[in-house]
ModelCIF file with pLDDT and N, C-alpha, C, O atoms, coordinates in Angstrom:
data_MODEL
#
_entry.id   MODEL 
#
_entity.id                         1 
_entity.type                       polymer 
_entity.pdbx_number_of_molecules   1 
#
_entity_poly.entity_id                      1 
_entity_poly.type                           'polypeptide(L)' 
_entity_poly.nstd_linkage                   no 
_entity_poly.nstd_monomer                   no 
_entity_poly.pdbx_seq_one_letter_code       ASIDTEYAIRLEKKIPIGAGLGGGSSNAAATLRLLNELHN 
_entity_poly.pdbx_seq_one_letter_code_can   ASIDTEYAIRLEKKIPIGAGLGGGSSNAAATLRLLNELHN 
_entity_poly.pdbx_strand_id                 A 
#
loop_
_entity_poly_seq.entity_id 
_entity_poly_seq.num 
_entity_poly_seq.mon_id 
_entity_poly_seq.hetero 
1 1  ALA n 
1 2  SER n 
1 3  ILE n 
1 4  ASP n 
1 5  THR n 
1 6  GLU n 
1 7  TYR n 
1 8  ALA n 
1 9  ILE n 
1 10 ARG n 
1 11 LEU n 
1 12 GLU n 
1 13 LYS n 
1 14 LYS n 
1 15 ILE n 
1 16 PRO n 
1 17 ILE n 
1 18 GLY n 
1 19 ALA n 
1 20 GLY n 
1 21 LEU n 
1 22 GLY n 
1 23 GLY n 
1 24 GLY n 
1 25 SER n 
1 26 SER n 
1 27 ASN n 
1 28 ALA n 
1 29 ALA n 
1 30 ALA n 
1 31 THR n 
1 32 LEU n 
1 33 ARG n 
1 34 LEU n 
1 35 LEU n 
1 36 ASN n 
1 37 GLU n 
1 38 LEU n 
1 39 HIS n 
1 40 ASN n 
#
_struct_asym.id          A 
_struct_asym.entity_id   1 
#
loop_
_ma_qa_metric.id 
_ma_qa_metric.mode 
_ma_qa_metric.name 
_ma_qa_metric.software_group_id 
_ma_qa_metric.type 
1 global pLDDT . pLDDT 
2 local  pLDDT . pLDDT 
#
_ma_qa_metric_global.metric_id      1 
_ma_qa_metric_global.metric_value   96.17 
_ma_qa_metric_global.model_id       1 
_ma_qa_metric_global.ordinal_id     1 
#
loop_
_ma_qa_metric_local.label_asym_id 
_ma_qa_metric_local.label_comp_id 
_ma_qa_metric_local.label_seq_id 
_ma_qa_metric_local.metric_id 
_ma_qa_metric_local.metric_value 
_ma_qa_metric_local.model_id 
_ma_qa_metric_local.ordinal_id 
A ALA 1  2 96.00 1 1  
A SER 2  2 96.00 1 2  
A ILE 3  2 96.00 1 3  
A ASP 4  2 95.00 1 4  
A THR 5  2 96.00 1 5  
A GLU 6  2 97.00 1 6  
A TYR 7  2 98.00 1 7  
A ALA 8  2 98.00 1 8  
A ILE 9  2 98.00 1 9  
A ARG 10 2 98.00 1 10 
A LEU 11 2 98.00 1 11 
A GLU 12 2 98.00 1 12 
A LYS 13 2 97.00 1 13 
A LYS 14 2 97.00 1 14 
A ILE 15 2 97.00 1 15 
A PRO 16 2 95.00 1 16 
A ILE 17 2 93.00 1 17 
A GLY 18 2 92.00 1 18 
A ALA 19 2 96.00 1 19 
A GLY 20 2 95.00 1 20 
A LEU 21 2 96.00 1 21 
A GLY 22 2 94.00 1 22 
A GLY 23 2 95.00 1 23 
A GLY 24 2 94.00 1 24 
A SER 25 2 95.00 1 25 
A SER 26 2 96.00 1 26 
A ASN 27 2 97.00 1 27 
A ALA 28 2 97.00 1 28 
A ALA 29 2 97.00 1 29 
A ALA 30 2 97.00 1 30 
A THR 31 2 98.00 1 31 
A LEU 32 2 98.00 1 32 
A ARG 33 2 96.00 1 33 
A LEU 34 2 97.00 1 34 
A LEU 35 2 97.00 1 35 
A ASN 36 2 97.00 1 36 
A GLU 37 2 95.00 1 37 
A LEU 38 2 96.00 1 38 
A HIS 39 2 96.00 1 39 
A ASN 40 2 93.00 1 40 
#
loop_
_atom_site.group_PDB 
_atom_site.id 
_atom_site.type_symbol 
_atom_site.label_atom_id 
_atom_site.label_alt_id 
_atom_site.label_comp_id 
_atom_site.label_asym_id 
_atom_site.label_entity_id 
_atom_site.label_seq_id 
_atom_site.pdbx_PDB_ins_code 
_atom_site.Cartn_x 
_atom_site.Cartn_y 
_atom_site.Cartn_z 
_atom_site.occupancy 
_atom_site.B_iso_or_equiv 
_atom_site.pdbx_formal_charge 
_atom_site.auth_seq_id 
_atom_site.auth_comp_id 
_atom_site.auth_asym_id 
_atom_site.auth_atom_id 
_atom_site.pdbx_PDB_model_num 
ATOM 1   N N  . ALA A 1 1  ? 4.869  -22.604 -0.213  1.00 96.00 ? 1  ALA A N  1 
ATOM 2   C CA . ALA A 1 1  ? 4.239  -23.150 0.991   1.00 96.00 ? 1  ALA A CA 1 
ATOM 3   C C  . ALA A 1 1  ? 3.173  -24.186 0.672   1.00 96.00 ? 1  ALA A C  1 
ATOM 4   O O  . ALA A 1 1  ? 2.596  -24.783 1.582   1.00 96.00 ? 1  ALA A O  1 
ATOM 5   N N  . SER A 1 2  ? 2.904  -24.408 -0.623  1.00 96.00 ? 2  SER A N  1 
ATOM 6   C CA . SER A 1 2  ? 1.874  -25.369 -1.073  1.00 96.00 ? 2  SER A CA 1 
ATOM 7   C C  . SER A 1 2  ? 0.510  -25.038 -0.466  1.00 96.00 ? 2  SER A C  1 
ATOM 8   O O  . SER A 1 2  ? -0.170 -25.905 0.082   1.00 96.00 ? 2  SER A O  1 
ATOM 9   N N  . ILE A 1 3  ? 0.126  -23.752 -0.576  1.00 96.00 ? 3  ILE A N  1 
ATOM 10  C CA . ILE A 1 3  ? -1.178 -23.310 -0.101  1.00 96.00 ? 3  ILE A CA 1 
ATOM 11  C C  . ILE A 1 3  ? -1.866 -22.515 -1.203  1.00 96.00 ? 3  ILE A C  1 
ATOM 12  O O  . ILE A 1 3  ? -1.221 -22.088 -2.161  1.00 96.00 ? 3  ILE A O  1 
ATOM 13  N N  . ASP A 1 4  ? -3.170 -22.318 -1.071  1.00 95.00 ? 4  ASP A N  1 
ATOM 14  C CA . ASP A 1 4  ? -3.913 -21.546 -2.073  1.00 95.00 ? 4  ASP A CA 1 
ATOM 15  C C  . ASP A 1 4  ? -4.724 -20.432 -1.421  1.00 95.00 ? 4  ASP A C  1 
ATOM 16  O O  . ASP A 1 4  ? -5.803 -20.083 -1.899  1.00 95.00 ? 4  ASP A O  1 
ATOM 17  N N  . THR A 1 5  ? -4.206 -19.878 -0.336  1.00 96.00 ? 5  THR A N  1 
ATOM 18  C CA . THR A 1 5  ? -4.887 -18.802 0.383   1.00 96.00 ? 5  THR A CA 1 
ATOM 19  C C  . THR A 1 5  ? -5.013 -17.555 -0.489  1.00 96.00 ? 5  THR A C  1 
ATOM 20  O O  . THR A 1 5  ? -4.083 -17.187 -1.206  1.00 96.00 ? 5  THR A O  1 
ATOM 21  N N  . GLU A 1 6  ? -6.188 -16.906 -0.415  1.00 97.00 ? 6  GLU A N  1 
ATOM 22  C CA . GLU A 1 6  ? -6.385 -15.631 -1.096  1.00 97.00 ? 6  GLU A CA 1 
ATOM 23  C C  . GLU A 1 6  ? -6.160 -14.505 -0.091  1.00 97.00 ? 6  GLU A C  1 
ATOM 24  O O  . GLU A 1 6  ? -6.346 -14.687 1.112   1.00 97.00 ? 6  GLU A O  1 
ATOM 25  N N  . TYR A 1 7  ? -5.750 -13.321 -0.609  1.00 98.00 ? 7  TYR A N  1 
ATOM 26  C CA . TYR A 1 7  ? -5.406 -12.218 0.278   1.00 98.00 ? 7  TYR A CA 1 
ATOM 27  C C  . TYR A 1 7  ? -6.056 -10.909 -0.171  1.00 98.00 ? 7  TYR A C  1 
ATOM 28  O O  . TYR A 1 7  ? -6.232 -10.657 -1.363  1.00 98.00 ? 7  TYR A O  1 
ATOM 29  N N  . ALA A 1 8  ? -6.403 -10.097 0.805   1.00 98.00 ? 8  ALA A N  1 
ATOM 30  C CA . ALA A 1 8  ? -6.773 -8.699  0.571   1.00 98.00 ? 8  ALA A CA 1 
ATOM 31  C C  . ALA A 1 8  ? -5.559 -7.862  0.934   1.00 98.00 ? 8  ALA A C  1 
ATOM 32  O O  . ALA A 1 8  ? -5.103 -7.886  2.077   1.00 98.00 ? 8  ALA A O  1 
ATOM 33  N N  . ILE A 1 9  ? -5.032 -7.116  -0.043  1.00 98.00 ? 9  ILE A N  1 
ATOM 34  C CA . ILE A 1 9  ? -3.784 -6.372  0.144   1.00 98.00 ? 9  ILE A CA 1 
ATOM 35  C C  . ILE A 1 9  ? -4.034 -4.885  -0.063  1.00 98.00 ? 9  ILE A C  1 
ATOM 36  O O  . ILE A 1 9  ? -4.646 -4.476  -1.050  1.00 98.00 ? 9  ILE A O  1 
ATOM 37  N N  . ARG A 1 10 ? -3.555 -4.085  0.878   1.00 98.00 ? 10 ARG A N  1 
ATOM 38  C CA . ARG A 1 10 ? -3.626 -2.628  0.761   1.00 98.00 ? 10 ARG A CA 1 
ATOM 39  C C  . ARG A 1 10 ? -2.202 -2.074  0.828   1.00 98.00 ? 10 ARG A C  1 
ATOM 40  O O  . ARG A 1 10 ? -1.460 -2.351  1.771   1.00 98.00 ? 10 ARG A O  1 
ATOM 41  N N  . LEU A 1 11 ? -1.836 -1.293  -0.180  1.00 98.00 ? 11 LEU A N  1 
ATOM 42  C CA . LEU A 1 11 ? -0.489 -0.718  -0.262  1.00 98.00 ? 11 LEU A CA 1 
ATOM 43  C C  . LEU A 1 11 ? -0.586 0.802   -0.310  1.00 98.00 ? 11 LEU A C  1 
ATOM 44  O O  . LEU A 1 11 ? -1.196 1.367   -1.218  1.00 98.00 ? 11 LEU A O  1 
ATOM 45  N N  . GLU A 1 12 ? 0.019  1.452   0.669   1.00 98.00 ? 12 GLU A N  1 
ATOM 46  C CA . GLU A 1 12 ? 0.098  2.906   0.712   1.00 98.00 ? 12 GLU A CA 1 
ATOM 47  C C  . GLU A 1 12 ? 1.535  3.298   0.404   1.00 98.00 ? 12 GLU A C  1 
ATOM 48  O O  . GLU A 1 12 ? 2.439  3.031   1.196   1.00 98.00 ? 12 GLU A O  1 
ATOM 49  N N  . LYS A 1 13 ? 1.747  3.934   -0.751  1.00 97.00 ? 13 LYS A N  1 
ATOM 50  C CA . LYS A 1 13 ? 3.098  4.240   -1.177  1.00 97.00 ? 13 LYS A CA 1 
ATOM 51  C C  . LYS A 1 13 ? 3.495  5.673   -0.852  1.00 97.00 ? 13 LYS A C  1 
ATOM 52  O O  . LYS A 1 13 ? 2.746  6.619   -1.094  1.00 97.00 ? 13 LYS A O  1 
ATOM 53  N N  . LYS A 1 14 ? 4.710  5.804   -0.290  1.00 97.00 ? 14 LYS A N  1 
ATOM 54  C CA . LYS A 1 14 ? 5.350  7.097   -0.110  1.00 97.00 ? 14 LYS A CA 1 
ATOM 55  C C  . LYS A 1 14 ? 6.678  7.149   -0.854  1.00 97.00 ? 14 LYS A C  1 
ATOM 56  O O  . LYS A 1 14 ? 7.199  8.230   -1.132  1.00 97.00 ? 14 LYS A O  1 
ATOM 57  N N  . ILE A 1 15 ? 7.231  5.962   -1.181  1.00 97.00 ? 15 ILE A N  1 
ATOM 58  C CA . ILE A 1 15 ? 8.464  5.887   -1.958  1.00 97.00 ? 15 ILE A CA 1 
ATOM 59  C C  . ILE A 1 15 ? 8.110  6.060   -3.431  1.00 97.00 ? 15 ILE A C  1 
ATOM 60  O O  . ILE A 1 15 ? 7.299  5.294   -3.952  1.00 97.00 ? 15 ILE A O  1 
ATOM 61  N N  . PRO A 1 16 ? 8.684  7.031   -4.111  1.00 95.00 ? 16 PRO A N  1 
ATOM 62  C CA . PRO A 1 16 ? 8.342  7.250   -5.526  1.00 95.00 ? 16 PRO A CA 1 
ATOM 63  C C  . PRO A 1 16 ? 8.666  6.025   -6.388  1.00 95.00 ? 16 PRO A C  1 
ATOM 64  O O  . PRO A 1 16 ? 9.587  5.264   -6.094  1.00 95.00 ? 16 PRO A O  1 
ATOM 65  N N  . ILE A 1 17 ? 7.891  5.860   -7.448  1.00 93.00 ? 17 ILE A N  1 
ATOM 66  C CA . ILE A 1 17 ? 8.103  4.767   -8.403  1.00 93.00 ? 17 ILE A CA 1 
ATOM 67  C C  . ILE A 1 17 ? 9.139  5.205   -9.446  1.00 93.00 ? 17 ILE A C  1 
ATOM 68  O O  . ILE A 1 17 ? 9.164  6.361   -9.866  1.00 93.00 ? 17 ILE A O  1 
ATOM 69  N N  . GLY A 1 18 ? 9.993  4.254   -9.856  1.00 92.00 ? 18 GLY A N  1 
ATOM 70  C CA . GLY A 1 18 ? 11.009 4.564   -10.858 1.00 92.00 ? 18 GLY A CA 1 
ATOM 71  C C  . GLY A 1 18 ? 12.056 5.521   -10.353 1.00 92.00 ? 18 GLY A C  1 
ATOM 72  O O  . GLY A 1 18 ? 12.599 6.323   -11.111 1.00 92.00 ? 18 GLY A O  1 
ATOM 73  N N  . ALA A 1 19 ? 12.345 5.432   -9.034  1.00 96.00 ? 19 ALA A N  1 
ATOM 74  C CA . ALA A 1 19 ? 13.252 6.392   -8.411  1.00 96.00 ? 19 ALA A CA 1 
ATOM 75  C C  . ALA A 1 19 ? 14.625 5.817   -8.110  1.00 96.00 ? 19 ALA A C  1 
ATOM 76  O O  . ALA A 1 19 ? 15.529 6.561   -7.729  1.00 96.00 ? 19 ALA A O  1 
ATOM 77  N N  . GLY A 1 20 ? 14.805 4.493   -8.273  1.00 95.00 ? 20 GLY A N  1 
ATOM 78  C CA . GLY A 1 20 ? 16.073 3.879   -7.903  1.00 95.00 ? 20 GLY A CA 1 
ATOM 79  C C  . GLY A 1 20 ? 16.254 3.774   -6.404  1.00 95.00 ? 20 GLY A C  1 
ATOM 80  O O  . GLY A 1 20 ? 17.379 3.734   -5.907  1.00 95.00 ? 20 GLY A O  1 
ATOM 81  N N  . LEU A 1 21 ? 15.131 3.727   -5.677  1.00 96.00 ? 21 LEU A N  1 
ATOM 82  C CA . LEU A 1 21 ? 15.167 3.651   -4.220  1.00 96.00 ? 21 LEU A CA 1 
ATOM 83  C C  . LEU A 1 21 ? 14.716 2.289   -3.692  1.00 96.00 ? 21 LEU A C  1 
ATOM 84  O O  . LEU A 1 21 ? 14.604 2.108   -2.479  1.00 96.00 ? 21 LEU A O  1 
ATOM 85  N N  . GLY A 1 22 ? 14.461 1.344   -4.569  1.00 94.00 ? 22 GLY A N  1 
ATOM 86  C CA . GLY A 1 22 ? 14.093 0.012   -4.125  1.00 94.00 ? 22 GLY A CA 1 
ATOM 87  C C  . GLY A 1 22 ? 12.693 -0.092  -3.561  1.00 94.00 ? 22 GLY A C  1 
ATOM 88  O O  . GLY A 1 22 ? 12.414 -0.999  -2.777  1.00 94.00 ? 22 GLY A O  1 
ATOM 89  N N  . GLY A 1 23 ? 11.804 0.814   -3.939  1.00 95.00 ? 23 GLY A N  1 
ATOM 90  C CA . GLY A 1 23 ? 10.442 0.786   -3.411  1.00 95.00 ? 23 GLY A CA 1 
ATOM 91  C C  . GLY A 1 23 ? 9.707  -0.506  -3.729  1.00 95.00 ? 23 GLY A C  1 
ATOM 92  O O  . GLY A 1 23 ? 9.111  -1.119  -2.844  1.00 95.00 ? 23 GLY A O  1 
ATOM 93  N N  . GLY A 1 24 ? 9.747  -0.923  -4.992  1.00 94.00 ? 24 GLY A N  1 
ATOM 94  C CA . GLY A 1 24 ? 9.070  -2.164  -5.378  1.00 94.00 ? 24 GLY A CA 1 
ATOM 95  C C  . GLY A 1 24 ? 9.697  -3.372  -4.718  1.00 94.00 ? 24 GLY A C  1 
ATOM 96  O O  . GLY A 1 24 ? 8.991  -4.286  -4.292  1.00 94.00 ? 24 GLY A O  1 
ATOM 97  N N  . SER A 1 25 ? 11.019 -3.385  -4.628  1.00 95.00 ? 25 SER A N  1 
ATOM 98  C CA . SER A 1 25 ? 11.712 -4.515  -4.003  1.00 95.00 ? 25 SER A CA 1 
ATOM 99  C C  . SER A 1 25 ? 11.400 -4.600  -2.507  1.00 95.00 ? 25 SER A C  1 
ATOM 100 O O  . SER A 1 25 ? 11.204 -5.691  -1.972  1.00 95.00 ? 25 SER A O  1 
ATOM 101 N N  . SER A 1 26 ? 11.356 -3.446  -1.837  1.00 96.00 ? 26 SER A N  1 
ATOM 102 C CA . SER A 1 26 ? 11.037 -3.464  -0.407  1.00 96.00 ? 26 SER A CA 1 
ATOM 103 C C  . SER A 1 26 ? 9.598  -3.905  -0.183  1.00 96.00 ? 26 SER A C  1 
ATOM 104 O O  . SER A 1 26 ? 9.305  -4.582  0.803   1.00 96.00 ? 26 SER A O  1 
ATOM 105 N N  . ASN A 1 27 ? 8.695  -3.527  -1.087  1.00 97.00 ? 27 ASN A N  1 
ATOM 106 C CA . ASN A 1 27 ? 7.310  -3.987  -0.980  1.00 97.00 ? 27 ASN A CA 1 
ATOM 107 C C  . ASN A 1 27 ? 7.218  -5.498  -1.135  1.00 97.00 ? 27 ASN A C  1 
ATOM 108 O O  . ASN A 1 27 ? 6.469  -6.156  -0.412  1.00 97.00 ? 27 ASN A O  1 
ATOM 109 N N  . ALA A 1 28 ? 7.978  -6.048  -2.076  1.00 97.00 ? 28 ALA A N  1 
ATOM 110 C CA . ALA A 1 28 ? 7.977  -7.495  -2.287  1.00 97.00 ? 28 ALA A CA 1 
ATOM 111 C C  . ALA A 1 28 ? 8.516  -8.221  -1.061  1.00 97.00 ? 28 ALA A C  1 
ATOM 112 O O  . ALA A 1 28 ? 7.952  -9.227  -0.631  1.00 97.00 ? 28 ALA A O  1 
ATOM 113 N N  . ALA A 1 29 ? 9.615  -7.704  -0.496  1.00 97.00 ? 29 ALA A N  1 
ATOM 114 C CA . ALA A 1 29 ? 10.192 -8.324  0.692   1.00 97.00 ? 29 ALA A CA 1 
ATOM 115 C C  . ALA A 1 29 ? 9.236  -8.244  1.873   1.00 97.00 ? 29 ALA A C  1 
ATOM 116 O O  . ALA A 1 29 ? 9.081  -9.208  2.622   1.00 97.00 ? 29 ALA A O  1 
ATOM 117 N N  . ALA A 1 30 ? 8.598  -7.089  2.035   1.00 97.00 ? 30 ALA A N  1 
ATOM 118 C CA . ALA A 1 30 ? 7.631  -6.937  3.128   1.00 97.00 ? 30 ALA A CA 1 
ATOM 119 C C  . ALA A 1 30 ? 6.476  -7.918  2.975   1.00 97.00 ? 30 ALA A C  1 
ATOM 120 O O  . ALA A 1 30 ? 5.971  -8.448  3.965   1.00 97.00 ? 30 ALA A O  1 
ATOM 121 N N  . THR A 1 31 ? 6.057  -8.158  1.738   1.00 98.00 ? 31 THR A N  1 
ATOM 122 C CA . THR A 1 31 ? 4.971  -9.114  1.494   1.00 98.00 ? 31 THR A CA 1 
ATOM 123 C C  . THR A 1 31 ? 5.381  -10.515 1.929   1.00 98.00 ? 31 THR A C  1 
ATOM 124 O O  . THR A 1 31 ? 4.618  -11.210 2.600   1.00 98.00 ? 31 THR A O  1 
ATOM 125 N N  . LEU A 1 32 ? 6.583  -10.928 1.547   1.00 98.00 ? 32 LEU A N  1 
ATOM 126 C CA . LEU A 1 32 ? 7.063  -12.248 1.967   1.00 98.00 ? 32 LEU A CA 1 
ATOM 127 C C  . LEU A 1 32 ? 7.129  -12.358 3.481   1.00 98.00 ? 32 LEU A C  1 
ATOM 128 O O  . LEU A 1 32 ? 6.728  -13.373 4.049   1.00 98.00 ? 32 LEU A O  1 
ATOM 129 N N  . ARG A 1 33 ? 7.626  -11.331 4.131   1.00 96.00 ? 33 ARG A N  1 
ATOM 130 C CA . ARG A 1 33 ? 7.772  -11.367 5.584   1.00 96.00 ? 33 ARG A CA 1 
ATOM 131 C C  . ARG A 1 33 ? 6.409  -11.358 6.279   1.00 96.00 ? 33 ARG A C  1 
ATOM 132 O O  . ARG A 1 33 ? 6.210  -12.068 7.265   1.00 96.00 ? 33 ARG A O  1 
ATOM 133 N N  . LEU A 1 34 ? 5.474  -10.559 5.771   1.00 97.00 ? 34 LEU A N  1 
ATOM 134 C CA . LEU A 1 34 ? 4.138  -10.502 6.366   1.00 97.00 ? 34 LEU A CA 1 
ATOM 135 C C  . LEU A 1 34 ? 3.397  -11.824 6.200   1.00 97.00 ? 34 LEU A C  1 
ATOM 136 O O  . LEU A 1 34 ? 2.748  -12.300 7.131   1.00 97.00 ? 34 LEU A O  1 
ATOM 137 N N  . LEU A 1 35 ? 3.497  -12.410 5.018   1.00 97.00 ? 35 LEU A N  1 
ATOM 138 C CA . LEU A 1 35 ? 2.821  -13.694 4.791   1.00 97.00 ? 35 LEU A CA 1 
ATOM 139 C C  . LEU A 1 35 ? 3.444  -14.787 5.648   1.00 97.00 ? 35 LEU A C  1 
ATOM 140 O O  . LEU A 1 35 ? 2.751  -15.692 6.113   1.00 97.00 ? 35 LEU A O  1 
ATOM 141 N N  . ASN A 1 36 ? 4.740  -14.701 5.855   1.00 97.00 ? 36 ASN A N  1 
ATOM 142 C CA . ASN A 1 36 ? 5.390  -15.686 6.711   1.00 97.00 ? 36 ASN A CA 1 
ATOM 143 C C  . ASN A 1 36 ? 4.852  -15.583 8.146   1.00 97.00 ? 36 ASN A C  1 
ATOM 144 O O  . ASN A 1 36 ? 4.639  -16.597 8.811   1.00 97.00 ? 36 ASN A O  1 
ATOM 145 N N  . GLU A 1 37 ? 4.636  -14.353 8.610   1.00 95.00 ? 37 GLU A N  1 
ATOM 146 C CA . GLU A 1 37 ? 4.041  -14.167 9.935   1.00 95.00 ? 37 GLU A CA 1 
ATOM 147 C C  . GLU A 1 37 ? 2.596  -14.661 9.954   1.00 95.00 ? 37 GLU A C  1 
ATOM 148 O O  . GLU A 1 37 ? 2.159  -15.302 10.910  1.00 95.00 ? 37 GLU A O  1 
ATOM 149 N N  . LEU A 1 38 ? 1.865  -14.355 8.889   1.00 96.00 ? 38 LEU A N  1 
ATOM 150 C CA . LEU A 1 38 ? 0.456  -14.749 8.811   1.00 96.00 ? 38 LEU A CA 1 
ATOM 151 C C  . LEU A 1 38 ? 0.297  -16.265 8.852   1.00 96.00 ? 38 LEU A C  1 
ATOM 152 O O  . LEU A 1 38 ? -0.709 -16.786 9.334   1.00 96.00 ? 38 LEU A O  1 
ATOM 153 N N  . HIS A 1 39 ? 1.308  -16.963 8.339   1.00 96.00 ? 39 HIS A N  1 
ATOM 154 C CA . HIS A 1 39 ? 1.271  -18.428 8.296   1.00 96.00 ? 39 HIS A CA 1 
ATOM 155 C C  . HIS A 1 39 ? 2.241  -19.042 9.320   1.00 96.00 ? 39 HIS A C  1 
ATOM 156 O O  . HIS A 1 39 ? 2.843  -20.089 9.080   1.00 96.00 ? 39 HIS A O  1 
ATOM 157 N N  . ASN A 1 40 ? 2.373  -18.365 10.455  1.00 93.00 ? 40 ASN A N  1 
ATOM 158 C CA . ASN A 1 40 ? 3.103  -18.915 11.611  1.00 93.00 ? 40 ASN A CA 1 
ATOM 159 C C  . ASN A 1 40 ? 4.578  -19.217 11.316  1.00 93.00 ? 40 ASN A C  1 
ATOM 160 O O  . ASN A 1 40 ? 5.301  -19.681 12.198  1.00 93.00 ? 40 ASN A O  1 
#
């Protein structure tokens, strides 16, 4: 997006880590979607 915005991020995990459930991937996707909303 050619921006340099800083963010405060809070992550509350219920999906176990290293479980093969895509927890990290879903968090990454949610971040992209949330930032897209934040930037209109």
